[in-house]
Amino acid sequence: MTDETTTVVALLHDVVEDTDYTLKDLSDRGFSKEVTDALEHAEKYKKAIAFPED
């Protein structure tokens, strides 16, 4: 990831979780695949931490 991408992901990391926006919405609004992929991975990571598999 580029520094710009890291900054964008840091700023948007709760948007999909806490609002009605989806990753597709962000993509449709011009955010790159790199950004939406990173957000998707961050979301999965948060869920894995919150609900670890036994």
PDB file of N, CA and C in Angstrom:
ATOM      1  N   MET A   1       0.833  -1.190   0.000  1.00  0.00           N
ATOM      2  CA  MET A   1       0.000   0.000   0.000  1.00  0.00           C
ATOM      3  C   MET A   1       0.874   1.248   0.000  1.00  0.00           C
ATOM      4  N   THR A   2       0.348   2.261  -0.635  1.00  0.00           N
ATOM      5  CA  THR A   2       1.049   3.539  -0.621  1.00  0.00           C
ATOM      6  C   THR A   2       0.672   4.300   0.646  1.00  0.00           C
ATOM      7  N   ASP A   3       1.442   5.299   0.975  1.00  0.00           N
ATOM      8  CA  ASP A   3       1.114   6.103   2.162  1.00  0.00           C
ATOM      9  C   ASP A   3      -0.264   6.740   2.042  1.00  0.00           C
ATOM     10  N   GLU A   4      -0.615   7.186   0.844  1.00  0.00           N
ATOM     11  CA  GLU A   4      -1.928   7.792   0.633  1.00  0.00           C
ATOM     12  C   GLU A   4      -3.031   6.767   0.891  1.00  0.00           C
ATOM     13  N   THR A   5      -2.845   5.565   0.389  1.00  0.00           N
ATOM     14  CA  THR A   5      -3.835   4.507   0.597  1.00  0.00           C
ATOM     15  C   THR A   5      -3.976   4.186   2.077  1.00  0.00           C
ATOM     16  N   THR A   6      -2.870   4.090   2.777  1.00  0.00           N
ATOM     17  CA  THR A   6      -2.904   3.812   4.218  1.00  0.00           C
ATOM     18  C   THR A   6      -3.687   4.887   4.953  1.00  0.00           C
ATOM     19  N   THR A   7      -3.480   6.126   4.578  1.00  0.00           N
ATOM     20  CA  THR A   7      -4.190   7.245   5.207  1.00  0.00           C
ATOM     21  C   THR A   7      -5.689   7.161   4.931  1.00  0.00           C
ATOM     22  N   VAL A   8      -6.049   6.878   3.684  1.00  0.00           N
ATOM     23  CA  VAL A   8      -7.467   6.783   3.313  1.00  0.00           C
ATOM     24  C   VAL A   8      -8.135   5.634   4.079  1.00  0.00           C
ATOM     25  N   VAL A   9      -7.476   4.485   4.146  1.00  0.00           N
ATOM     26  CA  VAL A   9      -8.033   3.340   4.867  1.00  0.00           C
ATOM     27  C   VAL A   9      -8.199   3.673   6.346  1.00  0.00           C
ATOM     28  N   ALA A  10      -7.215   4.337   6.915  1.00  0.00           N
ATOM     29  CA  ALA A  10      -7.306   4.724   8.329  1.00  0.00           C
ATOM     30  C   ALA A  10      -8.499   5.647   8.570  1.00  0.00           C
ATOM     31  N   LEU A  11      -8.753   6.540   7.639  1.00  0.00           N
ATOM     32  CA  LEU A  11      -9.866   7.479   7.795  1.00  0.00           C
ATOM     33  C   LEU A  11     -11.227   6.822   7.567  1.00  0.00           C
ATOM     34  N   LEU A  12     -11.264   5.790   6.724  1.00  0.00           N
ATOM     35  CA  LEU A  12     -12.546   5.179   6.353  1.00  0.00           C
ATOM     36  C   LEU A  12     -12.844   3.861   7.065  1.00  0.00           C
ATOM     37  N   HIS A  13     -11.966   3.406   7.937  1.00  0.00           N
ATOM     38  CA  HIS A  13     -12.091   2.035   8.433  1.00  0.00           C
ATOM     39  C   HIS A  13     -13.401   1.726   9.152  1.00  0.00           C
ATOM     40  N   ASP A  14     -14.083   2.691   9.705  1.00  0.00           N
ATOM     41  CA  ASP A  14     -15.360   2.423  10.373  1.00  0.00           C
ATOM     42  C   ASP A  14     -16.581   2.767   9.525  1.00  0.00           C
ATOM     43  N   VAL A  15     -16.373   3.327   8.361  1.00  0.00           N
ATOM     44  CA  VAL A  15     -17.498   3.774   7.535  1.00  0.00           C
ATOM     45  C   VAL A  15     -18.416   2.610   7.180  1.00  0.00           C
ATOM     46  N   VAL A  16     -17.860   1.520   6.679  1.00  0.00           N
ATOM     47  CA  VAL A  16     -18.684   0.387   6.258  1.00  0.00           C
ATOM     48  C   VAL A  16     -19.349  -0.267   7.472  1.00  0.00           C
ATOM     49  N   GLU A  17     -18.655  -0.306   8.571  1.00  0.00           N
ATOM     50  CA  GLU A  17     -19.193  -0.929   9.781  1.00  0.00           C
ATOM     51  C   GLU A  17     -20.266  -0.073  10.452  1.00  0.00           C
ATOM     52  N   ASP A  18     -20.088   1.230  10.468  1.00  0.00           N
ATOM     53  CA  ASP A  18     -20.940   2.108  11.266  1.00  0.00           C
ATOM     54  C   ASP A  18     -21.956   2.930  10.483  1.00  0.00           C
ATOM     55  N   THR A  19     -21.986   2.770   9.166  1.00  0.00           N
ATOM     56  CA  THR A  19     -22.936   3.528   8.349  1.00  0.00           C
ATOM     57  C   THR A  19     -23.612   2.583   7.361  1.00  0.00           C
ATOM     58  N   ASP A  20     -24.462   3.142   6.525  1.00  0.00           N
ATOM     59  CA  ASP A  20     -25.136   2.340   5.502  1.00  0.00           C
ATOM     60  C   ASP A  20     -24.294   2.166   4.242  1.00  0.00           C
ATOM     61  N   TYR A  21     -23.113   2.784   4.202  1.00  0.00           N
ATOM     62  CA  TYR A  21     -22.241   2.634   3.036  1.00  0.00           C
ATOM     63  C   TYR A  21     -21.681   1.227   2.959  1.00  0.00           C
ATOM     64  N   THR A  22     -21.593   0.714   1.738  1.00  0.00           N
ATOM     65  CA  THR A  22     -20.972  -0.590   1.493  1.00  0.00           C
ATOM     66  C   THR A  22     -19.644  -0.370   0.772  1.00  0.00           C
ATOM     67  N   LEU A  23     -18.863  -1.426   0.674  1.00  0.00           N
ATOM     68  CA  LEU A  23     -17.615  -1.330  -0.088  1.00  0.00           C
ATOM     69  C   LEU A  23     -17.910  -0.981  -1.546  1.00  0.00           C
ATOM     70  N   LYS A  24     -18.999  -1.500  -2.085  1.00  0.00           N
ATOM     71  CA  LYS A  24     -19.384  -1.162  -3.460  1.00  0.00           C
ATOM     72  C   LYS A  24     -19.706   0.329  -3.581  1.00  0.00           C
ATOM     73  N   ASP A  25     -20.397   0.876  -2.584  1.00  0.00           N
ATOM     74  CA  ASP A  25     -20.687   2.314  -2.598  1.00  0.00           C
ATOM     75  C   ASP A  25     -19.397   3.122  -2.670  1.00  0.00           C
ATOM     76  N   LEU A  26     -18.414   2.735  -1.861  1.00  0.00           N
ATOM     77  CA  LEU A  26     -17.135   3.455  -1.866  1.00  0.00           C
ATOM     78  C   LEU A  26     -16.439   3.302  -3.211  1.00  0.00           C
ATOM     79  N   SER A  27     -16.489   2.107  -3.762  1.00  0.00           N
ATOM     80  CA  SER A  27     -15.898   1.878  -5.082  1.00  0.00           C
ATOM     81  C   SER A  27     -16.599   2.730  -6.142  1.00  0.00           C
ATOM     82  N   ASP A  28     -17.933   2.747  -6.090  1.00  0.00           N
ATOM     83  CA  ASP A  28     -18.712   3.543  -7.044  1.00  0.00           C
ATOM     84  C   ASP A  28     -18.413   5.033  -6.931  1.00  0.00           C
ATOM     85  N   ARG A  29     -17.962   5.463  -5.761  1.00  0.00           N
ATOM     86  CA  ARG A  29     -17.636   6.872  -5.540  1.00  0.00           C
ATOM     87  C   ARG A  29     -16.171   7.186  -5.848  1.00  0.00           C
ATOM     88  N   GLY A  30     -15.470   6.192  -6.391  1.00  0.00           N
ATOM     89  CA  GLY A  30     -14.133   6.458  -6.892  1.00  0.00           C
ATOM     90  C   GLY A  30     -12.976   5.968  -6.043  1.00  0.00           C
ATOM     91  N   PHE A  31     -13.259   5.308  -4.920  1.00  0.00           N
ATOM     92  CA  PHE A  31     -12.157   4.765  -4.132  1.00  0.00           C
ATOM     93  C   PHE A  31     -11.592   3.548  -4.845  1.00  0.00           C
ATOM     94  N   SER A  32     -10.290   3.416  -4.796  1.00  0.00           N
ATOM     95  CA  SER A  32      -9.605   2.362  -5.557  1.00  0.00           C
ATOM     96  C   SER A  32      -9.878   0.978  -4.989  1.00  0.00           C
ATOM     97  N   LYS A  33      -9.628  -0.029  -5.809  1.00  0.00           N
ATOM     98  CA  LYS A  33      -9.745  -1.422  -5.375  1.00  0.00           C
ATOM     99  C   LYS A  33      -8.775  -1.689  -4.230  1.00  0.00           C
ATOM    100  N   GLU A  34      -7.619  -1.077  -4.275  1.00  0.00           N
ATOM    101  CA  GLU A  34      -6.640  -1.241  -3.193  1.00  0.00           C
ATOM    102  C   GLU A  34      -7.236  -0.776  -1.854  1.00  0.00           C
ATOM    103  N   VAL A  35      -7.944   0.343  -1.873  1.00  0.00           N
ATOM    104  CA  VAL A  35      -8.572   0.870  -0.660  1.00  0.00           C
ATOM    105  C   VAL A  35      -9.701  -0.050  -0.208  1.00  0.00           C
ATOM    106  N   THR A  36     -10.599  -0.418  -1.117  1.00  0.00           N
ATOM    107  CA  THR A  36     -11.736  -1.250  -0.714  1.00  0.00           C
ATOM    108  C   THR A  36     -11.285  -2.641  -0.284  1.00  0.00           C
ATOM    109  N   ASP A  37     -10.261  -3.187  -0.911  1.00  0.00           N
ATOM    110  CA  ASP A  37      -9.716  -4.485  -0.470  1.00  0.00           C
ATOM    111  C   ASP A  37      -9.141  -4.380   0.934  1.00  0.00           C
ATOM    112  N   ALA A  38      -8.412  -3.324   1.209  1.00  0.00           N
ATOM    113  CA  ALA A  38      -7.827  -3.137   2.540  1.00  0.00           C
ATOM    114  C   ALA A  38      -8.920  -2.959   3.585  1.00  0.00           C
ATOM    115  N   LEU A  39      -9.970  -2.237   3.240  1.00  0.00           N
ATOM    116  CA  LEU A  39     -11.092  -2.066   4.165  1.00  0.00           C
ATOM    117  C   LEU A  39     -11.791  -3.399   4.428  1.00  0.00           C
ATOM    118  N   GLU A  40     -11.931  -4.208   3.384  1.00  0.00           N
ATOM    119  CA  GLU A  40     -12.543  -5.526   3.545  1.00  0.00           C
ATOM    120  C   GLU A  40     -11.708  -6.398   4.481  1.00  0.00           C
ATOM    121  N   HIS A  41     -10.399  -6.377   4.293  1.00  0.00           N
ATOM    122  CA  HIS A  41      -9.516  -7.160   5.156  1.00  0.00           C
ATOM    123  C   HIS A  41      -9.563  -6.648   6.595  1.00  0.00           C
ATOM    124  N   ALA A  42      -9.621  -5.357   6.774  1.00  0.00           N
ATOM    125  CA  ALA A  42      -9.695  -4.783   8.120  1.00  0.00           C
ATOM    126  C   ALA A  42     -10.990  -5.201   8.803  1.00  0.00           C
ATOM    127  N   GLU A  43     -12.069  -5.216   8.047  1.00  0.00           N
ATOM    128  CA  GLU A  43     -13.365  -5.622   8.595  1.00  0.00           C
ATOM    129  C   GLU A  43     -13.331  -7.095   9.033  1.00  0.00           C
ATOM    130  N   LYS A  44     -12.754  -7.945   8.195  1.00  0.00           N
ATOM    131  CA  LYS A  44     -12.641  -9.367   8.536  1.00  0.00           C
ATOM    132  C   LYS A  44     -11.746  -9.566   9.752  1.00  0.00           C
ATOM    133  N   TYR A  45     -10.679  -8.799   9.832  1.00  0.00           N
ATOM    134  CA  TYR A  45      -9.764  -8.895  10.965  1.00  0.00           C
ATOM    135  C   TYR A  45     -10.465  -8.505  12.260  1.00  0.00           C
ATOM    136  N   LYS A  46     -11.233  -7.416  12.213  1.00  0.00           N
ATOM    137  CA  LYS A  46     -11.968  -6.971  13.410  1.00  0.00           C
ATOM    138  C   LYS A  46     -12.915  -8.070  13.887  1.00  0.00           C
ATOM    139  N   LYS A  47     -13.627  -8.707  12.947  1.00  0.00           N
ATOM    140  CA  LYS A  47     -14.553  -9.767  13.308  1.00  0.00           C
ATOM    141  C   LYS A  47     -13.817 -10.971  13.883  1.00  0.00           C
ATOM    142  N   ALA A  48     -12.667 -11.299  13.335  1.00  0.00           N
ATOM    143  CA  ALA A  48     -11.890 -12.432  13.832  1.00  0.00           C
ATOM    144  C   ALA A  48     -11.392 -12.170  15.255  1.00  0.00           C
ATOM    145  N   ILE A  49     -11.020 -10.937  15.534  1.00  0.00           N
ATOM    146  CA  ILE A  49     -10.546 -10.572  16.878  1.00  0.00           C
ATOM    147  C   ILE A  49     -11.721 -10.600  17.865  1.00  0.00           C
ATOM    148  N   ALA A  50     -12.868 -10.095  17.431  1.00  0.00           N
ATOM    149  CA  ALA A  50     -14.032 -10.018  18.314  1.00  0.00           C
ATOM    150  C   ALA A  50     -14.628 -11.394  18.591  1.00  0.00           C
ATOM    151  N   PHE A  51     -14.595 -12.253  17.587  1.00  0.00           N
ATOM    152  CA  PHE A  51     -15.198 -13.577  17.711  1.00  0.00           C
ATOM    153  C   PHE A  51     -14.213 -14.649  17.258  1.00  0.00           C
ATOM    154  N   PRO A  52     -13.150 -14.881  18.017  1.00  0.00           N
ATOM    155  CA  PRO A  52     -12.163 -15.879  17.602  1.00  0.00           C
ATOM    156  C   PRO A  52     -12.790 -17.275  17.565  1.00  0.00           C
ATOM    157  N   GLU A  53     -12.354 -18.043  16.585  1.00  0.00           N
ATOM    158  CA  GLU A  53     -12.833 -19.413  16.479  1.00  0.00           C
ATOM    159  C   GLU A  53     -12.119 -20.273  17.504  1.00  0.00           C
ATOM    160  N   ASP A  54     -12.857 -21.195  18.093  1.00  0.00           N
ATOM    161  CA  ASP A  54     -12.256 -22.106  19.070  1.00  0.00           C
ATOM    162  C   ASP A  54     -11.572 -23.260  18.377  1.00  0.00           C
TER     163      ASP A  54
END
